PDB file of N, CA and C in Angstrom:
ATOM      1  N   UNK A   1      32.539 -19.943 -14.148  1.00  0.00           N
ATOM      2  CA  UNK A   1      31.071 -18.996 -14.416  1.00  0.00           C
ATOM      3  C   UNK A   1      30.759 -18.239 -13.071  1.00  0.00           C
ATOM      4  N   UNK A   2      30.660 -16.290 -13.457  1.00  0.00           N
ATOM      5  CA  UNK A   2      30.113 -15.880 -12.521  1.00  0.00           C
ATOM      6  C   UNK A   2      28.194 -15.614 -12.834  1.00  0.00           C
ATOM      7  N   UNK A   3      27.643 -14.539 -11.882  1.00  0.00           N
ATOM      8  CA  UNK A   3      26.580 -14.460 -12.136  1.00  0.00           C
ATOM      9  C   UNK A   3      26.822 -12.776 -11.993  1.00  0.00           C
ATOM     10  N   UNK A   4      26.142 -12.201 -12.856  1.00  0.00           N
ATOM     11  CA  UNK A   4      26.308 -10.859 -12.522  1.00  0.00           C
ATOM     12  C   UNK A   4      26.910  -9.993 -13.674  1.00  0.00           C
ATOM     13  N   UNK A   5      26.679  -8.859 -13.694  1.00  0.00           N
ATOM     14  CA  UNK A   5      27.399  -8.168 -14.882  1.00  0.00           C
ATOM     15  C   UNK A   5      28.336  -7.397 -14.224  1.00  0.00           C
ATOM     16  N   UNK A   6      29.703  -8.095 -15.796  1.00  0.00           N
ATOM     17  CA  UNK A   6      30.530  -7.723 -15.643  1.00  0.00           C
ATOM     18  C   UNK A   6      30.938  -6.551 -16.792  1.00  0.00           C
ATOM     19  N   UNK A   7      31.921  -5.526 -16.321  1.00  0.00           N
ATOM     20  CA  UNK A   7      32.411  -4.117 -17.126  1.00  0.00           C
ATOM     21  C   UNK A   7      33.594  -5.008 -18.072  1.00  0.00           C
ATOM     22  N   UNK A   8      33.495  -5.577 -18.717  1.00  0.00           N
ATOM     23  CA  UNK A   8      34.675  -6.456 -19.349  1.00  0.00           C
ATOM     24  C   UNK A   8      34.499  -6.970 -20.776  1.00  0.00           C
ATOM     25  N   UNK A   9      35.356  -6.838 -21.484  1.00  0.00           N
ATOM     26  CA  UNK A   9      34.796  -7.785 -22.834  1.00  0.00           C
ATOM     27  C   UNK A   9      35.615  -8.864 -23.004  1.00  0.00           C
ATOM     28  N   UNK A  10      34.999  -9.850 -23.977  1.00  0.00           N
ATOM     29  CA  UNK A  10      35.194 -11.556 -24.148  1.00  0.00           C
ATOM     30  C   UNK A  10      36.723 -10.962 -24.341  1.00  0.00           C
ATOM     31  N   UNK A  11      37.797 -11.593 -24.061  1.00  0.00           N
ATOM     32  CA  UNK A  11      38.891 -12.027 -24.310  1.00  0.00           C
ATOM     33  C   UNK A  11      40.142 -11.111 -23.267  1.00  0.00           C
ATOM     34  N   UNK A  12      39.246 -10.234 -22.684  1.00  0.00           N
ATOM     35  CA  UNK A  12      40.310  -9.794 -21.478  1.00  0.00           C
ATOM     36  C   UNK A  12      40.514 -10.265 -20.198  1.00  0.00           C
ATOM     37  N   UNK A  13      41.688  -9.858 -19.330  1.00  0.00           N
ATOM     38  CA  UNK A  13      41.857 -10.886 -18.422  1.00  0.00           C
ATOM     39  C   UNK A  13      41.776 -10.090 -16.908  1.00  0.00           C
ATOM     40  N   UNK A  14      41.646 -11.200 -16.088  1.00  0.00           N
ATOM     41  CA  UNK A  14      41.318 -10.530 -14.417  1.00  0.00           C
ATOM     42  C   UNK A  14      42.138 -11.324 -14.099  1.00  0.00           C
ATOM     43  N   UNK A  15      42.352 -10.439 -13.262  1.00  0.00           N
ATOM     44  CA  UNK A  15      43.199 -11.450 -11.674  1.00  0.00           C
ATOM     45  C   UNK A  15      42.364 -12.261 -10.910  1.00  0.00           C
ATOM     46  N   UNK A  16      42.381 -13.181 -10.005  1.00  0.00           N
ATOM     47  CA  UNK A  16      41.540 -13.448  -9.296  1.00  0.00           C
ATOM     48  C   UNK A  16      41.903 -14.330  -8.148  1.00  0.00           C
ATOM     49  N   UNK A  17      41.384 -13.929  -6.772  1.00  0.00           N
ATOM     50  CA  UNK A  17      41.952 -14.762  -5.452  1.00  0.00           C
ATOM     51  C   UNK A  17      41.207 -15.400  -4.739  1.00  0.00           C
ATOM     52  N   UNK A  18      41.721 -16.957  -5.151  1.00  0.00           N
ATOM     53  CA  UNK A  18      40.092 -18.282  -4.671  1.00  0.00           C
ATOM     54  C   UNK A  18      41.243 -18.781  -3.102  1.00  0.00           C
ATOM     55  N   UNK A  19      40.446 -19.153  -2.723  1.00  0.00           N
ATOM     56  CA  UNK A  19      40.750 -19.987  -1.664  1.00  0.00           C
ATOM     57  C   UNK A  19      41.514 -21.098  -2.028  1.00  0.00           C
ATOM     58  N   UNK A  20      42.187 -21.836  -1.121  1.00  0.00           N
ATOM     59  CA  UNK A  20      43.201 -22.838  -1.849  1.00  0.00           C
ATOM     60  C   UNK A  20      44.350 -22.687  -2.574  1.00  0.00           C
ATOM     61  N   UNK A  21      43.324 -22.336  -3.801  1.00  0.00           N
ATOM     62  CA  UNK A  21      44.290 -22.007  -5.207  1.00  0.00           C
ATOM     63  C   UNK A  21      45.288 -20.782  -5.126  1.00  0.00           C
ATOM     64  N   UNK A  22      44.989 -19.696  -4.593  1.00  0.00           N
ATOM     65  CA  UNK A  22      45.475 -18.650  -4.373  1.00  0.00           C
ATOM     66  C   UNK A  22      45.348 -17.584  -5.791  1.00  0.00           C
ATOM     67  N   UNK A  23      45.941 -16.826  -6.168  1.00  0.00           N
ATOM     68  CA  UNK A  23      45.610 -15.798  -7.359  1.00  0.00           C
ATOM     69  C   UNK A  23      45.852 -16.670  -8.677  1.00  0.00           C
ATOM     70  N   UNK A  24      44.753 -15.911  -9.521  1.00  0.00           N
ATOM     71  CA  UNK A  24      45.330 -17.238 -10.464  1.00  0.00           C
ATOM     72  C   UNK A  24      44.532 -16.078 -11.544  1.00  0.00           C
ATOM     73  N   UNK A  25      44.755 -16.305 -12.882  1.00  0.00           N
ATOM     74  CA  UNK A  25      44.636 -15.642 -14.011  1.00  0.00           C
ATOM     75  C   UNK A  25      43.267 -16.043 -14.862  1.00  0.00           C
ATOM     76  N   UNK A  26      42.379 -15.321 -14.891  1.00  0.00           N
ATOM     77  CA  UNK A  26      40.993 -16.230 -16.025  1.00  0.00           C
ATOM     78  C   UNK A  26      41.088 -15.281 -17.382  1.00  0.00           C
ATOM     79  N   UNK A  27      40.685 -15.559 -18.633  1.00  0.00           N
ATOM     80  CA  UNK A  27      39.933 -14.539 -19.435  1.00  0.00           C
ATOM     81  C   UNK A  27      38.666 -15.064 -19.541  1.00  0.00           C
ATOM     82  N   UNK A  28      38.112 -14.089 -19.799  1.00  0.00           N
ATOM     83  CA  UNK A  28      36.546 -13.885 -20.666  1.00  0.00           C
ATOM     84  C   UNK A  28      36.524 -14.788 -21.804  1.00  0.00           C
ATOM     85  N   UNK A  29      35.456 -16.049 -21.601  1.00  0.00           N
ATOM     86  CA  UNK A  29      35.347 -16.761 -22.606  1.00  0.00           C
ATOM     87  C   UNK A  29      33.994 -16.511 -23.356  1.00  0.00           C
ATOM     88  N   UNK A  30      32.938 -16.369 -22.642  1.00  0.00           N
ATOM     89  CA  UNK A  30      31.671 -15.990 -23.425  1.00  0.00           C
ATOM     90  C   UNK A  30      31.068 -15.030 -22.208  1.00  0.00           C
ATOM     91  N   UNK A  31      29.490 -14.365 -22.730  1.00  0.00           N
ATOM     92  CA  UNK A  31      28.412 -13.980 -21.645  1.00  0.00           C
ATOM     93  C   UNK A  31      27.455 -14.244 -22.702  1.00  0.00           C
ATOM     94  N   UNK A  32      26.563 -14.295 -21.613  1.00  0.00           N
ATOM     95  CA  UNK A  32      25.079 -14.654 -22.005  1.00  0.00           C
ATOM     96  C   UNK A  32      23.937 -13.940 -20.632  1.00  0.00           C
ATOM     97  N   UNK A  33      23.408 -12.600 -21.422  1.00  0.00           N
ATOM     98  CA  UNK A  33      22.791 -12.062 -20.394  1.00  0.00           C
ATOM     99  C   UNK A  33      23.113 -11.522 -19.030  1.00  0.00           C
ATOM    100  N   UNK A  34      22.885 -12.680 -18.170  1.00  0.00           N
ATOM    101  CA  UNK A  34      23.909 -12.023 -16.838  1.00  0.00           C
ATOM    102  C   UNK A  34      24.705 -12.919 -16.417  1.00  0.00           C
ATOM    103  N   UNK A  35      25.222 -13.574 -16.953  1.00  0.00           N
ATOM    104  CA  UNK A  35      25.966 -14.803 -16.811  1.00  0.00           C
ATOM    105  C   UNK A  35      27.265 -14.584 -17.425  1.00  0.00           C
ATOM    106  N   UNK A  36      28.614 -15.188 -17.227  1.00  0.00           N
ATOM    107  CA  UNK A  36      29.755 -14.674 -17.762  1.00  0.00           C
ATOM    108  C   UNK A  36      30.906 -16.103 -17.345  1.00  0.00           C
ATOM    109  N   UNK A  37      31.278 -16.839 -18.778  1.00  0.00           N
ATOM    110  CA  UNK A  37      32.248 -18.234 -18.332  1.00  0.00           C
ATOM    111  C   UNK A  37      33.581 -17.569 -18.256  1.00  0.00           C
ATOM    112  N   UNK A  38      34.649 -18.371 -17.470  1.00  0.00           N
ATOM    113  CA  UNK A  38      36.185 -17.459 -17.612  1.00  0.00           C
ATOM    114  C   UNK A  38      36.677 -18.891 -18.028  1.00  0.00           C
ATOM    115  N   UNK A  39      37.798 -18.666 -18.445  1.00  0.00           N
ATOM    116  CA  UNK A  39      38.787 -19.678 -18.366  1.00  0.00           C
ATOM    117  C   UNK A  39      40.266 -19.615 -17.821  1.00  0.00           C
ATOM    118  N   UNK A  40      40.499 -20.271 -16.428  1.00  0.00           N
ATOM    119  CA  UNK A  40      41.530 -19.849 -15.879  1.00  0.00           C
ATOM    120  C   UNK A  40      42.984 -20.618 -16.882  1.00  0.00           C
ATOM    121  N   UNK A  41      44.394 -19.744 -16.317  1.00  0.00           N
ATOM    122  CA  UNK A  41      45.070 -19.590 -16.811  1.00  0.00           C
ATOM    123  C   UNK A  41      46.258 -21.362 -16.990  1.00  0.00           C
ATOM    124  N   UNK A  42      45.667 -22.179 -15.333  1.00  0.00           N
ATOM    125  CA  UNK A  42      46.401 -22.658 -15.326  1.00  0.00           C
ATOM    126  C   UNK A  42      45.378 -24.146 -14.963  1.00  0.00           C
ATOM    127  N   UNK A  43      45.549 -25.360 -14.967  1.00  0.00           N
ATOM    128  CA  UNK A  43      44.980 -26.396 -14.738  1.00  0.00           C
ATOM    129  C   UNK A  43      45.250 -26.653 -12.895  1.00  0.00           C
ATOM    130  N   UNK A  44      43.858 -26.744 -12.216  1.00  0.00           N
ATOM    131  CA  UNK A  44      43.625 -26.905 -10.834  1.00  0.00           C
ATOM    132  C   UNK A  44      43.468 -28.438 -10.761  1.00  0.00           C
ATOM    133  N   UNK A  45      44.575 -28.852  -9.509  1.00  0.00           N
ATOM    134  CA  UNK A  45      44.498 -30.376  -9.678  1.00  0.00           C
ATOM    135  C   UNK A  45      43.445 -30.785  -8.622  1.00  0.00           C
ATOM    136  N   UNK A  46      43.121 -31.482  -8.973  1.00  0.00           N
ATOM    137  CA  UNK A  46      41.509 -32.418  -8.135  1.00  0.00           C
ATOM    138  C   UNK A  46      41.338 -32.495  -6.896  1.00  0.00           C
ATOM    139  N   UNK A  47      42.504 -32.389  -6.378  1.00  0.00           N
ATOM    140  CA  UNK A  47      42.134 -32.172  -4.586  1.00  0.00           C
ATOM    141  C   UNK A  47      42.206 -30.622  -4.092  1.00  0.00           C
ATOM    142  N   UNK A  48      43.025 -30.029  -5.256  1.00  0.00           N
ATOM    143  CA  UNK A  48      42.450 -28.657  -4.392  1.00  0.00           C
ATOM    144  C   UNK A  48      41.514 -27.968  -4.962  1.00  0.00           C
ATOM    145  N   UNK A  49      40.477 -28.846  -6.387  1.00  0.00           N
ATOM    146  CA  UNK A  49      39.327 -28.204  -6.819  1.00  0.00           C
ATOM    147  C   UNK A  49      38.275 -28.633  -5.297  1.00  0.00           C
ATOM    148  N   UNK A  50      38.606 -29.596  -5.279  1.00  0.00           N
ATOM    149  CA  UNK A  50      37.490 -30.627  -4.069  1.00  0.00           C
ATOM    150  C   UNK A  50      37.452 -29.882  -2.829  1.00  0.00           C
ATOM    151  N   UNK A  51      38.815 -29.495  -2.069  1.00  0.00           N
ATOM    152  CA  UNK A  51      39.565 -28.291  -1.433  1.00  0.00           C
ATOM    153  C   UNK A  51      38.506 -27.129  -1.468  1.00  0.00           C
ATOM    154  N   UNK A  52      38.455 -26.688  -2.402  1.00  0.00           N
ATOM    155  CA  UNK A  52      37.881 -25.146  -3.057  1.00  0.00           C
ATOM    156  C   UNK A  52      36.594 -25.420  -2.996  1.00  0.00           C
ATOM    157  N   UNK A  53      36.059 -26.585  -3.466  1.00  0.00           N
ATOM    158  CA  UNK A  53      34.336 -26.727  -3.282  1.00  0.00           C
ATOM    159  C   UNK A  53      33.946 -26.841  -1.998  1.00  0.00           C
ATOM    160  N   UNK A  54      34.636 -27.648  -1.180  1.00  0.00           N
ATOM    161  CA  UNK A  54      34.321 -27.805   0.260  1.00  0.00           C
ATOM    162  C   UNK A  54      34.359 -26.243   1.048  1.00  0.00           C
ATOM    163  N   UNK A  55      35.019 -25.487   0.651  1.00  0.00           N
ATOM    164  CA  UNK A  55      35.117 -24.453   1.201  1.00  0.00           C
ATOM    165  C   UNK A  55      33.704 -23.245   1.302  1.00  0.00           C
ATOM    166  N   UNK A  56      33.738 -23.541  -0.384  1.00  0.00           N
ATOM    167  CA  UNK A  56      32.476 -22.322  -0.817  1.00  0.00           C
ATOM    168  C   UNK A  56      31.254 -22.791  -0.365  1.00  0.00           C
ATOM    169  N   UNK A  57      31.079 -24.249  -0.123  1.00  0.00           N
ATOM    170  CA  UNK A  57      29.926 -24.449  -0.294  1.00  0.00           C
ATOM    171  C   UNK A  57      29.658 -24.569   1.959  1.00  0.00           C
ATOM    172  N   UNK A  58      31.110 -24.305   2.620  1.00  0.00           N
ATOM    173  CA  UNK A  58      30.620 -23.995   3.491  1.00  0.00           C
ATOM    174  C   UNK A  58      30.416 -22.912   4.144  1.00  0.00           C
ATOM    175  N   UNK A  59      30.998 -21.659   3.222  1.00  0.00           N
ATOM    176  CA  UNK A  59      30.391 -20.026   3.225  1.00  0.00           C
ATOM    177  C   UNK A  59      28.948 -19.968   3.017  1.00  0.00           C
ATOM    178  N   UNK A  60      28.347 -20.965   1.717  1.00  0.00           N
ATOM    179  CA  UNK A  60      27.075 -20.545   1.519  1.00  0.00           C
ATOM    180  C   UNK A  60      26.200 -21.112   2.402  1.00  0.00           C
ATOM    181  N   UNK A  61      26.624 -22.685   3.457  1.00  0.00           N
ATOM    182  CA  UNK A  61      25.604 -22.972   4.198  1.00  0.00           C
ATOM    183  C   UNK A  61      25.617 -21.781   5.393  1.00  0.00           C
ATOM    184  N   UNK A  62      26.637 -21.356   5.686  1.00  0.00           N
ATOM    185  CA  UNK A  62      26.628 -20.447   6.961  1.00  0.00           C
ATOM    186  C   UNK A  62      25.862 -18.966   6.812  1.00  0.00           C
ATOM    187  N   UNK A  63      25.438 -18.654   5.158  1.00  0.00           N
ATOM    188  CA  UNK A  63      24.819 -17.341   5.234  1.00  0.00           C
ATOM    189  C   UNK A  63      23.158 -17.526   6.001  1.00  0.00           C
TER     190      UNK A  63
END
């Protein structure tokens, strides 16, 4: 999910770069006001997901 306006329509695809995961394609599934939900094109392993969350939480705490 992301917060903020997106300039694409449902079903359109984007390529994103995530720490630990690398590049991954996603497509827009839903929008509601200023929030949007995306479905990733491949499954992220649980250990990679936990590592990603740890990095993102650390960046948030550093702000």
